[in-house]
Amino acid sequence: MSLKNVFQVLITPIDDKDEFEKLIDDMVDVGCLMLATMNPELQKQYEDMVAYEMIQNLKEIYERQARHER
C-alpha cells in the first residue's frame, strides 16, 4: 500500500474490520522497514513512533537543515 493510500484510508471511515486490520499491519510493516534502514541512534529515537510520525519528524528536521545550509 502506498503512503498516499494510507493517508487516504486514515481520513476515510473504515467499516470493514479486515480492512482496518490490514491497514494497521501495513503501517507496522512500513514503520519496521523505516527503522531497519536507520542507524542505531535514529532507531532509538524513533522506535516508539508510527511511520507517519517518523516521516513528519524527519521531514521537519531535514527541511530545517536544508534551509540552514542555504
PDB file of N, CA and C in Angstrom:
ATOM      1  N   MET A   1       0.852  -1.168   0.000  1.00  0.00           N
ATOM      2  CA  MET A   1       0.000   0.000   0.000  1.00  0.00           C
ATOM      3  C   MET A   1       0.899   1.233   0.000  1.00  0.00           C
ATOM      4  N   SER A   2       0.629   2.159  -0.871  1.00  0.00           N
ATOM      5  CA  SER A   2       1.453   3.363  -0.946  1.00  0.00           C
ATOM      6  C   SER A   2       1.105   4.297   0.206  1.00  0.00           C
ATOM      7  N   LEU A   3       2.026   5.201   0.503  1.00  0.00           N
ATOM      8  CA  LEU A   3       1.810   6.154   1.577  1.00  0.00           C
ATOM      9  C   LEU A   3       0.590   7.024   1.297  1.00  0.00           C
ATOM     10  N   LYS A   4       0.403   7.392   0.035  1.00  0.00           N
ATOM     11  CA  LYS A   4      -0.777   8.192  -0.333  1.00  0.00           C
ATOM     12  C   LYS A   4      -2.057   7.430   0.000  1.00  0.00           C
ATOM     13  N   ASN A   5      -2.082   6.136  -0.285  1.00  0.00           N
ATOM     14  CA  ASN A   5      -3.260   5.326   0.023  1.00  0.00           C
ATOM     15  C   ASN A   5      -3.491   5.225   1.527  1.00  0.00           C
ATOM     16  N   VAL A   6      -2.407   5.138   2.295  1.00  0.00           N
ATOM     17  CA  VAL A   6      -2.545   5.061   3.748  1.00  0.00           C
ATOM     18  C   VAL A   6      -3.194   6.326   4.268  1.00  0.00           C
ATOM     19  N   PHE A   7      -2.725   7.487   3.809  1.00  0.00           N
ATOM     20  CA  PHE A   7      -3.306   8.747   4.249  1.00  0.00           C
ATOM     21  C   PHE A   7      -4.772   8.838   3.852  1.00  0.00           C
ATOM     22  N   GLN A   8      -5.110   8.389   2.657  1.00  0.00           N
ATOM     23  CA  GLN A   8      -6.494   8.425   2.194  1.00  0.00           C
ATOM     24  C   GLN A   8      -7.372   7.549   3.081  1.00  0.00           C
ATOM     25  N   VAL A   9      -6.867   6.379   3.435  1.00  0.00           N
ATOM     26  CA  VAL A   9      -7.637   5.479   4.292  1.00  0.00           C
ATOM     27  C   VAL A   9      -7.791   6.072   5.680  1.00  0.00           C
ATOM     28  N   LEU A  10      -6.757   6.764   6.166  1.00  0.00           N
ATOM     29  CA  LEU A  10      -6.827   7.347   7.503  1.00  0.00           C
ATOM     30  C   LEU A  10      -7.907   8.411   7.623  1.00  0.00           C
ATOM     31  N   ILE A  11      -8.215   9.079   6.528  1.00  0.00           N
ATOM     32  CA  ILE A  11      -9.236  10.123   6.596  1.00  0.00           C
ATOM     33  C   ILE A  11     -10.610   9.622   6.142  1.00  0.00           C
ATOM     34  N   THR A  12     -10.692   8.356   5.762  1.00  0.00           N
ATOM     35  CA  THR A  12     -11.940   7.757   5.311  1.00  0.00           C
ATOM     36  C   THR A  12     -12.440   6.791   6.386  1.00  0.00           C
ATOM     37  N   PRO A  13     -13.708   6.881   6.757  1.00  0.00           N
ATOM     38  CA  PRO A  13     -14.232   5.933   7.751  1.00  0.00           C
ATOM     39  C   PRO A  13     -14.077   4.491   7.258  1.00  0.00           C
ATOM     40  N   ILE A  14     -13.686   3.612   8.155  1.00  0.00           N
ATOM     41  CA  ILE A  14     -13.478   2.203   7.800  1.00  0.00           C
ATOM     42  C   ILE A  14     -14.570   1.376   8.481  1.00  0.00           C
ATOM     43  N   ASP A  15     -15.360   0.708   7.675  1.00  0.00           N
ATOM     44  CA  ASP A  15     -16.445  -0.114   8.198  1.00  0.00           C
ATOM     45  C   ASP A  15     -16.051  -1.584   8.314  1.00  0.00           C
ATOM     46  N   ASP A  16     -15.083  -2.007   7.505  1.00  0.00           N
ATOM     47  CA  ASP A  16     -14.699  -3.410   7.450  1.00  0.00           C
ATOM     48  C   ASP A  16     -13.531  -3.672   8.398  1.00  0.00           C
ATOM     49  N   LYS A  17     -13.738  -4.573   9.358  1.00  0.00           N
ATOM     50  CA  LYS A  17     -12.699  -4.895  10.346  1.00  0.00           C
ATOM     51  C   LYS A  17     -11.446  -5.458   9.671  1.00  0.00           C
ATOM     52  N   ASP A  18     -11.616  -6.298   8.663  1.00  0.00           N
ATOM     53  CA  ASP A  18     -10.465  -6.879   7.977  1.00  0.00           C
ATOM     54  C   ASP A  18      -9.639  -5.801   7.271  1.00  0.00           C
ATOM     55  N   GLU A  19     -10.329  -4.825   6.682  1.00  0.00           N
ATOM     56  CA  GLU A  19      -9.636  -3.734   6.006  1.00  0.00           C
ATOM     57  C   GLU A  19      -8.837  -2.908   7.022  1.00  0.00           C
ATOM     58  N   PHE A  20      -9.438  -2.675   8.180  1.00  0.00           N
ATOM     59  CA  PHE A  20      -8.766  -1.922   9.232  1.00  0.00           C
ATOM     60  C   PHE A  20      -7.528  -2.671   9.722  1.00  0.00           C
ATOM     61  N   GLU A  21      -7.660  -3.976   9.954  1.00  0.00           N
ATOM     62  CA  GLU A  21      -6.527  -4.774  10.413  1.00  0.00           C
ATOM     63  C   GLU A  21      -5.404  -4.798   9.376  1.00  0.00           C
ATOM     64  N   LYS A  22      -5.755  -4.855   8.089  1.00  0.00           N
ATOM     65  CA  LYS A  22      -4.747  -4.821   7.036  1.00  0.00           C
ATOM     66  C   LYS A  22      -4.037  -3.479   7.037  1.00  0.00           C
ATOM     67  N   LEU A  23      -4.783  -2.402   7.228  1.00  0.00           N
ATOM     68  CA  LEU A  23      -4.183  -1.070   7.291  1.00  0.00           C
ATOM     69  C   LEU A  23      -3.180  -0.990   8.439  1.00  0.00           C
ATOM     70  N   ILE A  24      -3.564  -1.484   9.595  1.00  0.00           N
ATOM     71  CA  ILE A  24      -2.667  -1.465  10.748  1.00  0.00           C
ATOM     72  C   ILE A  24      -1.422  -2.303  10.472  1.00  0.00           C
ATOM     73  N   ASP A  25      -1.604  -3.483   9.888  1.00  0.00           N
ATOM     74  CA  ASP A  25      -0.463  -4.337   9.531  1.00  0.00           C
ATOM     75  C   ASP A  25       0.468  -3.627   8.552  1.00  0.00           C
ATOM     76  N   ASP A  26      -0.102  -2.955   7.566  1.00  0.00           N
ATOM     77  CA  ASP A  26       0.713  -2.223   6.589  1.00  0.00           C
ATOM     78  C   ASP A  26       1.488  -1.090   7.260  1.00  0.00           C
ATOM     79  N   MET A  27       0.831  -0.388   8.195  1.00  0.00           N
ATOM     80  CA  MET A  27       1.510   0.705   8.885  1.00  0.00           C
ATOM     81  C   MET A  27       2.662   0.183   9.738  1.00  0.00           C
ATOM     82  N   VAL A  28       2.464  -0.963  10.376  1.00  0.00           N
ATOM     83  CA  VAL A  28       3.528  -1.572  11.169  1.00  0.00           C
ATOM     84  C   VAL A  28       4.676  -1.998  10.263  1.00  0.00           C
ATOM     85  N   ASP A  29       4.358  -2.589   9.115  1.00  0.00           N
ATOM     86  CA  ASP A  29       5.399  -3.006   8.162  1.00  0.00           C
ATOM     87  C   ASP A  29       6.231  -1.818   7.690  1.00  0.00           C
ATOM     88  N   VAL A  30       5.563  -0.721   7.363  1.00  0.00           N
ATOM     89  CA  VAL A  30       6.279   0.475   6.900  1.00  0.00           C
ATOM     90  C   VAL A  30       7.172   1.007   8.014  1.00  0.00           C
ATOM     91  N   GLY A  31       6.656   1.068   9.224  1.00  0.00           N
ATOM     92  CA  GLY A  31       7.451   1.542  10.359  1.00  0.00           C
ATOM     93  C   GLY A  31       8.667   0.672  10.605  1.00  0.00           C
ATOM     94  N   CYS A  32       8.491  -0.646  10.530  1.00  0.00           N
ATOM     95  CA  CYS A  32       9.619  -1.573  10.722  1.00  0.00           C
ATOM     96  C   CYS A  32      10.662  -1.401   9.627  1.00  0.00           C
ATOM     97  N   LEU A  33      10.209  -1.252   8.398  1.00  0.00           N
ATOM     98  CA  LEU A  33      11.137  -1.051   7.284  1.00  0.00           C
ATOM     99  C   LEU A  33      11.912   0.247   7.457  1.00  0.00           C
ATOM    100  N   MET A  34      11.229   1.297   7.867  1.00  0.00           N
ATOM    101  CA  MET A  34      11.914   2.573   8.094  1.00  0.00           C
ATOM    102  C   MET A  34      12.962   2.437   9.194  1.00  0.00           C
ATOM    103  N   LEU A  35      12.600   1.783  10.301  1.00  0.00           N
ATOM    104  CA  LEU A  35      13.550   1.611  11.398  1.00  0.00           C
ATOM    105  C   LEU A  35      14.747   0.757  10.973  1.00  0.00           C
ATOM    106  N   ALA A  36      14.501  -0.249  10.153  1.00  0.00           N
ATOM    107  CA  ALA A  36      15.579  -1.139   9.718  1.00  0.00           C
ATOM    108  C   ALA A  36      16.610  -0.416   8.856  1.00  0.00           C
ATOM    109  N   THR A  37      16.209   0.666   8.200  1.00  0.00           N
ATOM    110  CA  THR A  37      17.132   1.381   7.326  1.00  0.00           C
ATOM    111  C   THR A  37      17.853   2.523   8.044  1.00  0.00           C
ATOM    112  N   MET A  38      17.527   2.743   9.314  1.00  0.00           N
ATOM    113  CA  MET A  38      18.145   3.839  10.072  1.00  0.00           C
ATOM    114  C   MET A  38      19.354   3.336  10.854  1.00  0.00           C
ATOM    115  N   ASN A  39      20.230   4.275  11.196  1.00  0.00           N
ATOM    116  CA  ASN A  39      21.345   3.907  12.063  1.00  0.00           C
ATOM    117  C   ASN A  39      20.805   3.704  13.482  1.00  0.00           C
ATOM    118  N   PRO A  40      21.578   3.025  14.343  1.00  0.00           N
ATOM    119  CA  PRO A  40      21.085   2.691  15.685  1.00  0.00           C
ATOM    120  C   PRO A  40      20.643   3.904  16.517  1.00  0.00           C
ATOM    121  N   GLU A  41      21.320   5.026  16.354  1.00  0.00           N
ATOM    122  CA  GLU A  41      20.954   6.229  17.106  1.00  0.00           C
ATOM    123  C   GLU A  41      19.546   6.697  16.740  1.00  0.00           C
ATOM    124  N   LEU A  42      19.258   6.741  15.439  1.00  0.00           N
ATOM    125  CA  LEU A  42      17.923   7.142  14.993  1.00  0.00           C
ATOM    126  C   LEU A  42      16.878   6.096  15.362  1.00  0.00           C
ATOM    127  N   GLN A  43      17.256   4.816  15.317  1.00  0.00           N
ATOM    128  CA  GLN A  43      16.313   3.765  15.689  1.00  0.00           C
ATOM    129  C   GLN A  43      15.800   3.975  17.105  1.00  0.00           C
ATOM    130  N   LYS A  44      16.713   4.280  18.027  1.00  0.00           N
ATOM    131  CA  LYS A  44      16.297   4.511  19.415  1.00  0.00           C
ATOM    132  C   LYS A  44      15.362   5.706  19.514  1.00  0.00           C
ATOM    133  N   GLN A  45      15.645   6.740  18.747  1.00  0.00           N
ATOM    134  CA  GLN A  45      14.839   7.956  18.796  1.00  0.00           C
ATOM    135  C   GLN A  45      13.426   7.726  18.257  1.00  0.00           C
ATOM    136  N   TYR A  46      13.293   6.870  17.245  1.00  0.00           N
ATOM    137  CA  TYR A  46      12.009   6.699  16.557  1.00  0.00           C
ATOM    138  C   TYR A  46      11.292   5.387  16.863  1.00  0.00           C
ATOM    139  N   GLU A  47      11.817   4.560  17.753  1.00  0.00           N
ATOM    140  CA  GLU A  47      11.237   3.239  17.958  1.00  0.00           C
ATOM    141  C   GLU A  47       9.810   3.257  18.504  1.00  0.00           C
ATOM    142  N   ASP A  48       9.422   4.320  19.182  1.00  0.00           N
ATOM    143  CA  ASP A  48       8.073   4.387  19.755  1.00  0.00           C
ATOM    144  C   ASP A  48       7.090   5.179  18.901  1.00  0.00           C
ATOM    145  N   MET A  49       7.486   5.520  17.676  1.00  0.00           N
ATOM    146  CA  MET A  49       6.621   6.291  16.789  1.00  0.00           C
ATOM    147  C   MET A  49       6.069   5.401  15.679  1.00  0.00           C
ATOM    148  N   VAL A  50       4.906   5.780  15.171  1.00  0.00           N
ATOM    149  CA  VAL A  50       4.380   5.107  13.986  1.00  0.00           C
ATOM    150  C   VAL A  50       5.007   5.767  12.759  1.00  0.00           C
ATOM    151  N   ALA A  51       4.869   5.142  11.617  1.00  0.00           N
ATOM    152  CA  ALA A  51       5.526   5.607  10.391  1.00  0.00           C
ATOM    153  C   ALA A  51       5.182   7.058  10.066  1.00  0.00           C
ATOM    154  N   TYR A  52       3.929   7.425  10.194  1.00  0.00           N
ATOM    155  CA  TYR A  52       3.522   8.793   9.864  1.00  0.00           C
ATOM    156  C   TYR A  52       4.260   9.817  10.734  1.00  0.00           C
ATOM    157  N   GLU A  53       4.355   9.528  12.034  1.00  0.00           N
ATOM    158  CA  GLU A  53       5.063  10.445  12.929  1.00  0.00           C
ATOM    159  C   GLU A  53       6.540  10.526  12.572  1.00  0.00           C
ATOM    160  N   MET A  54       7.133   9.386  12.212  1.00  0.00           N
ATOM    161  CA  MET A  54       8.547   9.377  11.811  1.00  0.00           C
ATOM    162  C   MET A  54       8.754  10.259  10.586  1.00  0.00           C
ATOM    163  N   ILE A  55       7.884  10.084   9.602  1.00  0.00           N
ATOM    164  CA  ILE A  55       8.004  10.853   8.357  1.00  0.00           C
ATOM    165  C   ILE A  55       7.883  12.343   8.638  1.00  0.00           C
ATOM    166  N   GLN A  56       6.894  12.718   9.436  1.00  0.00           N
ATOM    167  CA  GLN A  56       6.697  14.130   9.735  1.00  0.00           C
ATOM    168  C   GLN A  56       7.895  14.712  10.477  1.00  0.00           C
ATOM    169  N   ASN A  57       8.421  13.974  11.446  1.00  0.00           N
ATOM    170  CA  ASN A  57       9.550  14.456  12.221  1.00  0.00           C
ATOM    171  C   ASN A  57      10.809  14.568  11.375  1.00  0.00           C
ATOM    172  N   LEU A  58      11.087  13.547  10.579  1.00  0.00           N
ATOM    173  CA  LEU A  58      12.273  13.580   9.710  1.00  0.00           C
ATOM    174  C   LEU A  58      12.165  14.700   8.680  1.00  0.00           C
ATOM    175  N   LYS A  59      10.980  14.879   8.135  1.00  0.00           N
ATOM    176  CA  LYS A  59      10.765  15.948   7.156  1.00  0.00           C
ATOM    177  C   LYS A  59      11.058  17.302   7.788  1.00  0.00           C
ATOM    178  N   GLU A  60      10.543  17.520   8.986  1.00  0.00           N
ATOM    179  CA  GLU A  60      10.770  18.785   9.684  1.00  0.00           C
ATOM    180  C   GLU A  60      12.262  19.019   9.955  1.00  0.00           C
ATOM    181  N   ILE A  61      12.944  17.990  10.418  1.00  0.00           N
ATOM    182  CA  ILE A  61      14.378  18.107  10.727  1.00  0.00           C
ATOM    183  C   ILE A  61      15.182  18.428   9.473  1.00  0.00           C
ATOM    184  N   TYR A  62      14.958  17.667   8.410  1.00  0.00           N
ATOM    185  CA  TYR A  62      15.775  17.848   7.216  1.00  0.00           C
ATOM    186  C   TYR A  62      15.404  19.088   6.417  1.00  0.00           C
ATOM    187  N   GLU A  63      14.165  19.539   6.502  1.00  0.00           N
ATOM    188  CA  GLU A  63      13.802  20.809   5.868  1.00  0.00           C
ATOM    189  C   GLU A  63      14.492  21.962   6.585  1.00  0.00           C
ATOM    190  N   ARG A  64      14.527  21.895   7.898  1.00  0.00           N
ATOM    191  CA  ARG A  64      15.192  22.920   8.691  1.00  0.00           C
ATOM    192  C   ARG A  64      16.687  22.938   8.391  1.00  0.00           C
ATOM    193  N   GLN A  65      17.280  21.752   8.290  1.00  0.00           N
ATOM    194  CA  GLN A  65      18.712  21.638   7.986  1.00  0.00           C
ATOM    195  C   GLN A  65      19.009  22.183   6.585  1.00  0.00           C
ATOM    196  N   ALA A  66      18.175  21.858   5.619  1.00  0.00           N
ATOM    197  CA  ALA A  66      18.393  22.347   4.249  1.00  0.00           C
ATOM    198  C   ALA A  66      18.274  23.867   4.180  1.00  0.00           C
ATOM    199  N   ARG A  67      17.302  24.414   4.917  1.00  0.00           N
ATOM    200  CA  ARG A  67      17.146  25.866   4.968  1.00  0.00           C
ATOM    201  C   ARG A  67      18.387  26.518   5.556  1.00  0.00           C
ATOM    202  N   HIS A  68      18.909  25.925   6.612  1.00  0.00           N
ATOM    203  CA  HIS A  68      20.104  26.455   7.283  1.00  0.00           C
ATOM    204  C   HIS A  68      21.306  26.411   6.344  1.00  0.00           C
ATOM    205  N   GLU A  69      21.452  25.337   5.584  1.00  0.00           N
ATOM    206  CA  GLU A  69      22.586  25.202   4.667  1.00  0.00           C
ATOM    207  C   GLU A  69      22.507  26.194   3.516  1.00  0.00           C
ATOM    208  N   ARG A  70      21.285  26.521   3.080  1.00  0.00           N
ATOM    209  CA  ARG A  70      21.145  27.507   2.004  1.00  0.00           C
ATOM    210  C   ARG A  70      21.547  28.867   2.499  1.00  0.00           C
TER     211      ARG A  70
END
